[in-house]
Amino acid sequence: MTVTITRAQAAPTDDELAALARRRDANGRAPIEAQTAFAQLHERHVRALAAFLAAKSGRDHVDDLLQETWIRVWEHLPDGFRGGNFRAWVIEIARHLFIDHVRKRRPEPIGDREFGIIDHRSGAPDGPLLERERAEALAKCLKSLAPEAALVVRSRLRDESYEEICRKFGWKSTARAHKLFHMAKKQLQSCLERALK
């Protein structure tokens, strides 16, 4: 007996999921169908993307690069992906992020003066005051986050994995935790930039 799989039974293709995931309403918000489709794309490709990033950057920076990649994918999906090889498109985004990451990590040059080598990164006399100011600004910015986002940030600061966070909060997909963390990260950066001007 031969079993045939009809189109209705087959899993949706990446192109079909991407078409659903790129939908936004008039206010730019994604409907639940788009979020669900994006979560499915994430589940399909997150392991391959993590392996690619681990091979490039080692284990230390994989989580941050992985999260930033999925944020970029989410942001650029409506106008950036037009079909074809979704995984290749995602890896290309990750590759560009990795290159930016490497550029930012380059060490500052240490100057040479007539009295010896000077490290310009050494603490200034007002360093402790600035650190306290930054810590107070960060505490205020953390309070401005949505409660769910703040919980995810605190969990990540305790080095909990996204899988652990999802189990703790009863979430079915890590995409929700990834999205909350990256949105919170952007909000915190903006808040700190305003507070420390």
N, C-alpha and C. Protein backbone atom coordinates (compact mmCIF):
# COMPACT_ATOMS: atom_id res chain seq x y z
N MET A 1 0.85 -1.19 0.00
CA MET A 1 0.00 0.00 0.00
C MET A 1 0.89 1.24 0.00
N THR A 2 0.60 2.17 -0.87
CA THR A 2 1.38 3.39 -0.98
C THR A 2 0.66 4.52 -0.24
N VAL A 3 1.42 5.25 0.58
CA VAL A 3 0.85 6.38 1.31
C VAL A 3 1.31 7.65 0.60
N THR A 4 0.36 8.46 0.24
CA THR A 4 0.71 9.74 -0.38
C THR A 4 0.44 10.87 0.60
N ILE A 5 1.33 11.81 0.61
CA ILE A 5 1.17 12.97 1.49
C ILE A 5 0.62 14.10 0.65
N THR A 6 -0.50 14.60 1.06
CA THR A 6 -1.09 15.72 0.34
C THR A 6 -0.42 17.00 0.80
N ARG A 7 -0.61 18.06 0.04
CA ARG A 7 -0.02 19.36 0.38
C ARG A 7 -0.48 19.85 1.75
N ALA A 8 -1.70 19.54 2.13
CA ALA A 8 -2.23 19.99 3.42
C ALA A 8 -1.49 19.33 4.58
N GLN A 9 -0.96 18.10 4.37
CA GLN A 9 -0.28 17.40 5.44
C GLN A 9 1.20 17.75 5.53
N ALA A 10 1.78 18.22 4.45
CA ALA A 10 3.21 18.51 4.44
C ALA A 10 3.50 19.77 5.26
N ALA A 11 4.69 19.77 5.85
CA ALA A 11 5.11 20.96 6.62
C ALA A 11 5.30 22.13 5.65
N PRO A 12 4.98 23.33 6.10
CA PRO A 12 5.16 24.50 5.23
C PRO A 12 6.64 24.71 4.91
N THR A 13 6.92 25.22 3.74
CA THR A 13 8.30 25.52 3.34
C THR A 13 8.77 26.79 4.05
N ASP A 14 10.06 27.02 3.99
CA ASP A 14 10.62 28.25 4.56
C ASP A 14 10.02 29.47 3.88
N ASP A 15 9.85 29.41 2.56
CA ASP A 15 9.26 30.54 1.84
C ASP A 15 7.84 30.82 2.32
N GLU A 16 7.07 29.77 2.55
CA GLU A 16 5.70 29.96 3.03
C GLU A 16 5.68 30.55 4.43
N LEU A 17 6.55 30.04 5.29
CA LEU A 17 6.63 30.57 6.66
C LEU A 17 7.12 32.03 6.65
N ALA A 18 8.10 32.31 5.80
CA ALA A 18 8.63 33.68 5.71
C ALA A 18 7.55 34.64 5.22
N ALA A 19 6.73 34.19 4.27
CA ALA A 19 5.64 35.04 3.77
C ALA A 19 4.66 35.37 4.89
N LEU A 20 4.39 34.39 5.74
CA LEU A 20 3.51 34.64 6.89
C LEU A 20 4.20 35.54 7.92
N ALA A 21 5.50 35.27 8.18
CA ALA A 21 6.23 35.99 9.23
C ALA A 21 6.48 37.45 8.88
N ARG A 22 6.46 37.80 7.61
CA ARG A 22 6.74 39.19 7.24
C ARG A 22 5.51 40.10 7.36
N ARG A 23 4.35 39.53 7.64
CA ARG A 23 3.13 40.33 7.73
C ARG A 23 3.17 41.28 8.92
N ARG A 24 2.73 42.50 8.69
CA ARG A 24 2.61 43.51 9.75
C ARG A 24 1.30 44.26 9.52
N ASP A 25 0.70 44.76 10.59
CA ASP A 25 -0.53 45.54 10.43
C ASP A 25 -0.16 46.99 10.10
N ALA A 26 -1.16 47.84 10.04
CA ALA A 26 -0.93 49.24 9.67
C ALA A 26 0.00 49.96 10.65
N ASN A 27 0.05 49.49 11.90
CA ASN A 27 0.91 50.10 12.91
C ASN A 27 2.29 49.45 12.97
N GLY A 28 2.55 48.51 12.07
CA GLY A 28 3.84 47.84 12.05
C GLY A 28 3.96 46.66 13.00
N ARG A 29 2.86 46.27 13.62
CA ARG A 29 2.89 45.15 14.56
C ARG A 29 2.61 43.85 13.82
N ALA A 30 3.21 42.78 14.30
CA ALA A 30 3.03 41.47 13.68
C ALA A 30 1.87 40.74 14.33
N PRO A 31 0.96 40.19 13.51
CA PRO A 31 -0.13 39.38 14.07
C PRO A 31 0.42 38.07 14.62
N ILE A 32 -0.36 37.37 15.38
CA ILE A 32 0.07 36.13 16.02
C ILE A 32 0.52 35.09 15.00
N GLU A 33 -0.13 35.07 13.82
CA GLU A 33 0.27 34.11 12.78
C GLU A 33 1.70 34.37 12.33
N ALA A 34 2.06 35.66 12.23
CA ALA A 34 3.42 36.02 11.82
C ALA A 34 4.42 35.60 12.90
N GLN A 35 4.08 35.82 14.15
CA GLN A 35 4.97 35.45 15.25
C GLN A 35 5.15 33.93 15.31
N THR A 36 4.06 33.20 15.09
CA THR A 36 4.13 31.73 15.10
C THR A 36 4.99 31.23 13.95
N ALA A 37 4.82 31.80 12.77
CA ALA A 37 5.62 31.40 11.61
C ALA A 37 7.10 31.70 11.86
N PHE A 38 7.38 32.84 12.46
CA PHE A 38 8.76 33.21 12.76
C PHE A 38 9.36 32.22 13.77
N ALA A 39 8.57 31.84 14.76
CA ALA A 39 9.05 30.88 15.76
C ALA A 39 9.39 29.54 15.09
N GLN A 40 8.61 29.15 14.10
CA GLN A 40 8.89 27.89 13.38
C GLN A 40 10.19 28.02 12.58
N LEU A 41 10.38 29.16 11.93
CA LEU A 41 11.63 29.38 11.19
C LEU A 41 12.82 29.35 12.16
N HIS A 42 12.64 29.98 13.30
CA HIS A 42 13.70 29.99 14.32
C HIS A 42 14.05 28.57 14.74
N GLU A 43 13.03 27.78 15.05
CA GLU A 43 13.27 26.40 15.48
C GLU A 43 13.99 25.58 14.41
N ARG A 44 13.65 25.81 13.15
CA ARG A 44 14.27 25.06 12.05
C ARG A 44 15.74 25.41 11.87
N HIS A 45 16.10 26.66 12.09
CA HIS A 45 17.43 27.12 11.68
C HIS A 45 18.35 27.54 12.81
N VAL A 46 17.88 27.57 14.04
CA VAL A 46 18.70 28.09 15.14
C VAL A 46 19.93 27.22 15.39
N ARG A 47 19.82 25.91 15.28
CA ARG A 47 20.97 25.04 15.55
C ARG A 47 22.07 25.22 14.50
N ALA A 48 21.67 25.28 13.24
CA ALA A 48 22.66 25.47 12.17
C ALA A 48 23.33 26.84 12.31
N LEU A 49 22.55 27.85 12.66
CA LEU A 49 23.10 29.18 12.84
C LEU A 49 24.06 29.22 14.03
N ALA A 50 23.68 28.57 15.13
CA ALA A 50 24.55 28.51 16.31
C ALA A 50 25.86 27.80 15.97
N ALA A 51 25.79 26.73 15.19
CA ALA A 51 27.01 26.01 14.79
C ALA A 51 27.90 26.90 13.92
N PHE A 52 27.30 27.63 13.00
CA PHE A 52 28.06 28.56 12.15
C PHE A 52 28.77 29.61 13.00
N LEU A 53 28.05 30.21 13.94
CA LEU A 53 28.63 31.26 14.78
C LEU A 53 29.70 30.70 15.72
N ALA A 54 29.48 29.49 16.24
CA ALA A 54 30.47 28.88 17.13
C ALA A 54 31.76 28.60 16.37
N ALA A 55 31.64 28.19 15.12
CA ALA A 55 32.83 27.94 14.31
C ALA A 55 33.59 29.24 14.03
N LYS A 56 32.87 30.33 13.90
CA LYS A 56 33.48 31.63 13.61
C LYS A 56 34.07 32.28 14.85
N SER A 57 33.29 32.30 15.95
CA SER A 57 33.66 33.13 17.09
C SER A 57 34.02 32.37 18.35
N GLY A 58 33.90 31.07 18.35
CA GLY A 58 34.10 30.32 19.58
C GLY A 58 32.85 30.43 20.43
N ARG A 59 32.83 29.77 21.54
CA ARG A 59 31.63 29.68 22.38
C ARG A 59 31.30 30.98 23.12
N ASP A 60 32.29 31.84 23.34
CA ASP A 60 32.11 33.01 24.20
C ASP A 60 31.03 33.98 23.73
N HIS A 61 30.93 34.20 22.46
CA HIS A 61 30.05 35.25 21.95
C HIS A 61 28.87 34.72 21.15
N VAL A 62 28.69 33.42 21.12
CA VAL A 62 27.64 32.83 20.29
C VAL A 62 26.25 33.33 20.69
N ASP A 63 25.94 33.33 21.97
CA ASP A 63 24.59 33.72 22.41
C ASP A 63 24.24 35.14 21.97
N ASP A 64 25.16 36.07 22.20
CA ASP A 64 24.89 37.46 21.83
C ASP A 64 24.72 37.61 20.32
N LEU A 65 25.62 36.99 19.57
CA LEU A 65 25.53 37.08 18.11
C LEU A 65 24.27 36.39 17.59
N LEU A 66 23.92 35.27 18.20
CA LEU A 66 22.72 34.53 17.80
C LEU A 66 21.47 35.39 18.03
N GLN A 67 21.39 35.99 19.18
CA GLN A 67 20.24 36.83 19.50
C GLN A 67 20.16 38.04 18.57
N GLU A 68 21.28 38.68 18.37
CA GLU A 68 21.29 39.86 17.51
C GLU A 68 20.92 39.49 16.08
N THR A 69 21.37 38.32 15.64
CA THR A 69 21.02 37.86 14.28
C THR A 69 19.51 37.70 14.15
N TRP A 70 18.88 37.04 15.13
CA TRP A 70 17.43 36.82 15.03
C TRP A 70 16.64 38.12 15.14
N ILE A 71 17.17 39.08 15.89
CA ILE A 71 16.52 40.40 15.94
C ILE A 71 16.57 41.04 14.55
N ARG A 72 17.75 40.98 13.92
CA ARG A 72 17.89 41.56 12.58
C ARG A 72 17.00 40.84 11.57
N VAL A 73 16.94 39.51 11.69
CA VAL A 73 16.09 38.74 10.77
C VAL A 73 14.65 39.20 10.92
N TRP A 74 14.18 39.33 12.17
CA TRP A 74 12.81 39.76 12.43
C TRP A 74 12.56 41.16 11.85
N GLU A 75 13.51 42.06 12.06
CA GLU A 75 13.35 43.44 11.59
C GLU A 75 13.38 43.55 10.07
N HIS A 76 14.22 42.74 9.43
CA HIS A 76 14.41 42.87 7.98
C HIS A 76 13.59 41.89 7.15
N LEU A 77 12.91 40.98 7.79
CA LEU A 77 12.12 39.99 7.06
C LEU A 77 11.08 40.62 6.14
N PRO A 78 10.32 41.64 6.58
CA PRO A 78 9.30 42.19 5.70
C PRO A 78 9.84 42.74 4.38
N ASP A 79 11.03 43.33 4.41
CA ASP A 79 11.53 43.93 3.16
C ASP A 79 12.84 43.33 2.68
N GLY A 80 13.44 42.42 3.43
CA GLY A 80 14.75 41.90 3.05
C GLY A 80 14.75 40.54 2.40
N PHE A 81 13.88 39.65 2.80
CA PHE A 81 13.87 38.29 2.25
C PHE A 81 12.76 38.16 1.23
N ARG A 82 13.15 37.79 0.03
CA ARG A 82 12.17 37.68 -1.06
C ARG A 82 12.03 36.26 -1.58
N GLY A 83 12.40 35.30 -0.77
CA GLY A 83 12.27 33.91 -1.20
C GLY A 83 13.63 33.33 -1.56
N GLY A 84 13.65 32.03 -1.65
CA GLY A 84 14.90 31.34 -1.97
C GLY A 84 15.41 30.58 -0.77
N ASN A 85 16.70 30.66 -0.52
CA ASN A 85 17.33 29.92 0.56
C ASN A 85 17.33 30.76 1.83
N PHE A 86 16.35 30.51 2.70
CA PHE A 86 16.20 31.29 3.93
C PHE A 86 17.42 31.14 4.84
N ARG A 87 17.91 29.90 4.99
CA ARG A 87 19.06 29.67 5.87
C ARG A 87 20.28 30.46 5.39
N ALA A 88 20.52 30.49 4.10
CA ALA A 88 21.66 31.24 3.55
C ALA A 88 21.50 32.73 3.84
N TRP A 89 20.27 33.23 3.75
CA TRP A 89 20.01 34.65 4.04
C TRP A 89 20.29 34.96 5.50
N VAL A 90 19.85 34.09 6.40
CA VAL A 90 20.08 34.28 7.84
C VAL A 90 21.57 34.21 8.16
N ILE A 91 22.28 33.27 7.55
CA ILE A 91 23.71 33.13 7.81
C ILE A 91 24.47 34.34 7.26
N GLU A 92 24.02 34.90 6.17
CA GLU A 92 24.65 36.11 5.64
C GLU A 92 24.50 37.26 6.63
N ILE A 93 23.33 37.39 7.24
CA ILE A 93 23.12 38.42 8.27
C ILE A 93 24.07 38.18 9.44
N ALA A 94 24.17 36.92 9.87
CA ALA A 94 25.06 36.57 10.98
C ALA A 94 26.52 36.86 10.63
N ARG A 95 26.90 36.58 9.40
CA ARG A 95 28.28 36.82 8.98
C ARG A 95 28.62 38.31 9.08
N HIS A 96 27.71 39.17 8.63
CA HIS A 96 27.94 40.62 8.73
C HIS A 96 28.02 41.07 10.19
N LEU A 97 27.15 40.52 11.03
CA LEU A 97 27.20 40.87 12.45
C LEU A 97 28.52 40.42 13.08
N PHE A 98 28.99 39.24 12.70
CA PHE A 98 30.26 38.73 13.23
C PHE A 98 31.40 39.66 12.83
N ILE A 99 31.41 40.10 11.58
CA ILE A 99 32.46 41.02 11.12
C ILE A 99 32.43 42.31 11.94
N ASP A 100 31.23 42.86 12.15
CA ASP A 100 31.10 44.06 12.98
C ASP A 100 31.60 43.81 14.40
N HIS A 101 31.27 42.64 14.94
CA HIS A 101 31.68 42.25 16.29
C HIS A 101 33.20 42.21 16.41
N VAL A 102 33.86 41.63 15.41
CA VAL A 102 35.32 41.53 15.43
C VAL A 102 35.94 42.92 15.36
N ARG A 103 35.38 43.78 14.54
CA ARG A 103 35.91 45.15 14.43
C ARG A 103 35.81 45.90 15.76
N LYS A 104 34.71 45.71 16.47
CA LYS A 104 34.52 46.40 17.74
C LYS A 104 35.46 45.88 18.82
N ARG A 105 35.87 44.62 18.72
CA ARG A 105 36.71 44.01 19.75
C ARG A 105 38.19 44.31 19.59
N ARG A 106 38.59 44.94 18.52
CA ARG A 106 40.01 45.24 18.33
C ARG A 106 40.51 46.10 19.49
N PRO A 107 41.65 45.73 20.04
CA PRO A 107 42.16 46.50 21.19
C PRO A 107 42.61 47.90 20.80
N GLU A 108 42.53 48.80 21.77
CA GLU A 108 43.00 50.17 21.56
C GLU A 108 44.52 50.15 21.54
N PRO A 109 45.12 50.99 20.71
CA PRO A 109 46.59 51.05 20.73
C PRO A 109 47.08 51.71 22.02
N ILE A 110 48.19 51.24 22.51
CA ILE A 110 48.78 51.82 23.70
C ILE A 110 49.87 52.78 23.24
N GLY A 111 49.80 54.02 23.73
CA GLY A 111 50.74 55.06 23.28
C GLY A 111 52.10 54.95 23.94
N ASP A 112 53.10 55.49 23.26
CA ASP A 112 54.46 55.51 23.80
C ASP A 112 54.85 56.97 23.96
N ARG A 113 55.19 57.35 25.17
CA ARG A 113 55.63 58.72 25.44
C ARG A 113 57.07 58.68 25.92
N GLU A 114 57.66 59.83 26.06
CA GLU A 114 59.07 59.86 26.43
C GLU A 114 59.33 59.26 27.81
N PHE A 115 58.31 59.20 28.69
CA PHE A 115 58.51 58.63 30.03
C PHE A 115 58.08 57.18 30.11
N GLY A 116 57.84 56.55 29.01
CA GLY A 116 57.45 55.15 29.02
C GLY A 116 56.11 54.94 28.34
N ILE A 117 55.60 53.76 28.50
CA ILE A 117 54.33 53.41 27.85
C ILE A 117 53.18 53.85 28.73
N ILE A 118 52.22 54.53 28.12
CA ILE A 118 51.04 55.03 28.83
C ILE A 118 49.83 54.24 28.36
N ASP A 119 49.09 53.71 29.28
CA ASP A 119 47.83 53.02 28.95
C ASP A 119 46.70 54.01 29.17
N HIS A 120 46.12 54.50 28.10
CA HIS A 120 45.06 55.51 28.19
C HIS A 120 43.75 54.94 28.74
N ARG A 121 43.69 53.64 28.87
CA ARG A 121 42.46 53.04 29.38
C ARG A 121 42.43 52.99 30.91
N SER A 122 43.52 53.37 31.54
CA SER A 122 43.56 53.31 33.00
C SER A 122 42.54 54.28 33.59
N GLY A 123 42.09 53.97 34.77
CA GLY A 123 41.02 54.73 35.39
C GLY A 123 41.39 56.17 35.69
N ALA A 124 40.47 57.05 35.42
CA ALA A 124 40.64 58.46 35.75
C ALA A 124 40.27 58.65 37.22
N PRO A 125 40.68 59.79 37.82
CA PRO A 125 40.38 60.03 39.24
C PRO A 125 38.88 59.99 39.55
N ASP A 126 38.04 60.39 38.58
CA ASP A 126 36.60 60.39 38.83
C ASP A 126 35.94 59.09 38.40
N GLY A 127 36.74 58.04 38.14
CA GLY A 127 36.21 56.74 37.68
C GLY A 127 35.15 56.14 38.59
N PRO A 128 35.39 56.05 39.92
CA PRO A 128 34.38 55.47 40.80
C PRO A 128 33.06 56.26 40.79
N LEU A 129 33.15 57.56 40.67
CA LEU A 129 31.94 58.39 40.60
C LEU A 129 31.15 58.09 39.33
N LEU A 130 31.85 57.98 38.21
CA LEU A 130 31.19 57.65 36.94
C LEU A 130 30.55 56.26 36.99
N GLU A 131 31.26 55.31 37.59
CA GLU A 131 30.71 53.95 37.70
C GLU A 131 29.44 53.94 38.54
N ARG A 132 29.42 54.69 39.63
CA ARG A 132 28.23 54.75 40.48
C ARG A 132 27.08 55.39 39.70
N GLU A 133 27.38 56.44 38.94
CA GLU A 133 26.37 57.12 38.12
C GLU A 133 25.78 56.15 37.09
N ARG A 134 26.65 55.37 36.45
CA ARG A 134 26.19 54.38 35.47
C ARG A 134 25.32 53.31 36.12
N ALA A 135 25.75 52.85 37.30
CA ALA A 135 24.99 51.81 38.00
C ALA A 135 23.60 52.32 38.38
N GLU A 136 23.52 53.56 38.85
CA GLU A 136 22.21 54.14 39.21
C GLU A 136 21.33 54.30 37.97
N ALA A 137 21.93 54.73 36.86
CA ALA A 137 21.17 54.89 35.62
C ALA A 137 20.66 53.54 35.13
N LEU A 138 21.50 52.51 35.23
CA LEU A 138 21.09 51.17 34.81
C LEU A 138 19.94 50.65 35.67
N ALA A 139 20.01 50.87 36.97
CA ALA A 139 18.93 50.43 37.86
C ALA A 139 17.62 51.10 37.49
N LYS A 140 17.65 52.40 37.18
CA LYS A 140 16.44 53.11 36.77
C LYS A 140 15.92 52.58 35.44
N CYS A 141 16.82 52.32 34.52
CA CYS A 141 16.41 51.81 33.20
C CYS A 141 15.81 50.41 33.31
N LEU A 142 16.37 49.59 34.18
CA LEU A 142 15.81 48.24 34.39
C LEU A 142 14.37 48.31 34.90
N LYS A 143 14.10 49.29 35.76
CA LYS A 143 12.75 49.46 36.30
C LYS A 143 11.76 49.87 35.22
N SER A 144 12.25 50.49 34.14
CA SER A 144 11.36 50.96 33.08
C SER A 144 10.95 49.84 32.11
N LEU A 145 11.62 48.68 32.21
CA LEU A 145 11.28 47.57 31.32
C LEU A 145 9.96 46.93 31.71
N ALA A 146 9.31 46.30 30.74
CA ALA A 146 8.12 45.50 31.03
C ALA A 146 8.54 44.37 31.97
N PRO A 147 7.67 43.96 32.91
CA PRO A 147 8.06 42.95 33.89
C PRO A 147 8.61 41.66 33.28
N GLU A 148 7.98 41.19 32.21
CA GLU A 148 8.41 39.95 31.57
C GLU A 148 9.81 40.11 30.98
N ALA A 149 10.07 41.25 30.36
CA ALA A 149 11.39 41.52 29.77
C ALA A 149 12.45 41.62 30.85
N ALA A 150 12.11 42.27 31.96
CA ALA A 150 13.06 42.41 33.08
C ALA A 150 13.42 41.04 33.64
N LEU A 151 12.45 40.13 33.72
CA LEU A 151 12.73 38.78 34.22
C LEU A 151 13.70 38.05 33.29
N VAL A 152 13.50 38.20 31.99
CA VAL A 152 14.40 37.54 31.04
C VAL A 152 15.81 38.12 31.15
N VAL A 153 15.93 39.45 31.27
CA VAL A 153 17.24 40.08 31.40
C VAL A 153 17.93 39.58 32.67
N ARG A 154 17.23 39.57 33.77
CA ARG A 154 17.84 39.10 35.03
C ARG A 154 18.27 37.64 34.92
N SER A 155 17.45 36.82 34.26
CA SER A 155 17.80 35.41 34.07
C SER A 155 19.06 35.27 33.22
N ARG A 156 19.16 36.06 32.15
CA ARG A 156 20.34 36.00 31.29
C ARG A 156 21.58 36.47 32.04
N LEU A 157 21.42 37.48 32.92
CA LEU A 157 22.55 37.95 33.71
C LEU A 157 23.04 36.89 34.69
N ARG A 158 22.15 35.97 35.04
CA ARG A 158 22.54 34.84 35.90
C ARG A 158 23.05 33.67 35.06
N ASP A 159 23.31 33.92 33.77
CA ASP A 159 23.82 32.91 32.84
C ASP A 159 22.86 31.76 32.59
N GLU A 160 21.57 32.00 32.72
CA GLU A 160 20.59 30.97 32.40
C GLU A 160 20.41 30.93 30.88
N SER A 161 20.31 29.73 30.34
CA SER A 161 20.11 29.60 28.90
C SER A 161 18.66 29.93 28.56
N TYR A 162 18.41 30.13 27.28
CA TYR A 162 17.04 30.43 26.84
C TYR A 162 16.11 29.23 27.11
N GLU A 163 16.67 28.04 26.98
CA GLU A 163 15.86 26.85 27.27
C GLU A 163 15.45 26.82 28.75
N GLU A 164 16.40 27.16 29.64
CA GLU A 164 16.09 27.20 31.08
C GLU A 164 15.03 28.26 31.38
N ILE A 165 15.17 29.41 30.75
CA ILE A 165 14.21 30.50 30.96
C ILE A 165 12.82 30.05 30.53
N CYS A 166 12.73 29.41 29.37
CA CYS A 166 11.43 28.96 28.86
C CYS A 166 10.81 27.91 29.77
N ARG A 167 11.64 26.99 30.26
CA ARG A 167 11.10 25.99 31.20
C ARG A 167 10.59 26.66 32.47
N LYS A 168 11.35 27.63 32.98
CA LYS A 168 11.00 28.31 34.22
C LYS A 168 9.66 29.06 34.09
N PHE A 169 9.45 29.70 32.94
CA PHE A 169 8.24 30.50 32.75
C PHE A 169 7.13 29.75 32.02
N GLY A 170 7.41 28.51 31.61
CA GLY A 170 6.38 27.70 30.94
C GLY A 170 6.13 28.12 29.50
N TRP A 171 7.13 28.67 28.84
CA TRP A 171 6.98 29.08 27.44
C TRP A 171 7.35 27.91 26.55
N LYS A 172 6.68 27.79 25.43
CA LYS A 172 6.90 26.65 24.54
C LYS A 172 8.08 26.87 23.59
N SER A 173 8.38 28.11 23.25
CA SER A 173 9.42 28.38 22.26
C SER A 173 10.45 29.36 22.81
N THR A 174 11.71 29.13 22.47
CA THR A 174 12.77 30.04 22.90
C THR A 174 12.72 31.36 22.13
N ALA A 175 12.00 31.38 21.03
CA ALA A 175 11.91 32.62 20.23
C ALA A 175 11.35 33.77 21.08
N ARG A 176 10.42 33.46 21.95
CA ARG A 176 9.82 34.51 22.80
C ARG A 176 10.88 35.10 23.72
N ALA A 177 11.68 34.24 24.34
CA ALA A 177 12.73 34.73 25.24
C ALA A 177 13.79 35.52 24.48
N HIS A 178 14.17 35.02 23.30
CA HIS A 178 15.15 35.74 22.46
C HIS A 178 14.63 37.14 22.13
N LYS A 179 13.39 37.19 21.68
CA LYS A 179 12.81 38.46 21.26
C LYS A 179 12.73 39.44 22.44
N LEU A 180 12.25 38.96 23.59
CA LEU A 180 12.15 39.82 24.77
C LEU A 180 13.52 40.34 25.19
N PHE A 181 14.52 39.47 25.18
CA PHE A 181 15.85 39.88 25.60
C PHE A 181 16.41 40.96 24.68
N HIS A 182 16.28 40.75 23.38
CA HIS A 182 16.85 41.72 22.45
C HIS A 182 16.10 43.04 22.45
N MET A 183 14.79 42.98 22.60
CA MET A 183 14.02 44.23 22.70
C MET A 183 14.42 44.97 23.98
N ALA A 184 14.57 44.22 25.08
CA ALA A 184 14.98 44.83 26.35
C ALA A 184 16.38 45.42 26.24
N LYS A 185 17.27 44.71 25.56
CA LYS A 185 18.64 45.18 25.39
C LYS A 185 18.66 46.52 24.65
N LYS A 186 17.88 46.62 23.59
CA LYS A 186 17.81 47.88 22.84
C LYS A 186 17.21 49.00 23.70
N GLN A 187 16.15 48.67 24.47
CA GLN A 187 15.54 49.68 25.33
C GLN A 187 16.53 50.16 26.38
N LEU A 188 17.29 49.24 26.97
CA LEU A 188 18.28 49.59 27.98
C LEU A 188 19.37 50.48 27.39
N GLN A 189 19.85 50.13 26.20
CA GLN A 189 20.89 50.95 25.56
C GLN A 189 20.39 52.36 25.32
N SER A 190 19.17 52.49 24.78
CA SER A 190 18.61 53.82 24.52
C SER A 190 18.44 54.60 25.81
N CYS A 191 17.89 53.93 26.82
CA CYS A 191 17.66 54.56 28.11
C CYS A 191 18.97 55.05 28.72
N LEU A 192 20.00 54.21 28.68
CA LEU A 192 21.30 54.58 29.26
C LEU A 192 21.94 55.73 28.49
N GLU A 193 21.80 55.71 27.17
CA GLU A 193 22.37 56.80 26.38
C GLU A 193 21.71 58.13 26.77
N ARG A 194 20.39 58.11 26.95
CA ARG A 194 19.69 59.34 27.36
C ARG A 194 20.10 59.76 28.77
N ALA A 195 20.18 58.79 29.66
CA ALA A 195 20.46 59.09 31.07
C ALA A 195 21.88 59.61 31.28
N LEU A 196 22.82 59.15 30.47
CA LEU A 196 24.21 59.51 30.69
C LEU A 196 24.71 60.65 29.81
N LYS A 197 23.81 61.34 29.13
CA LYS A 197 24.20 62.49 28.29
C LYS A 197 24.60 63.65 29.16
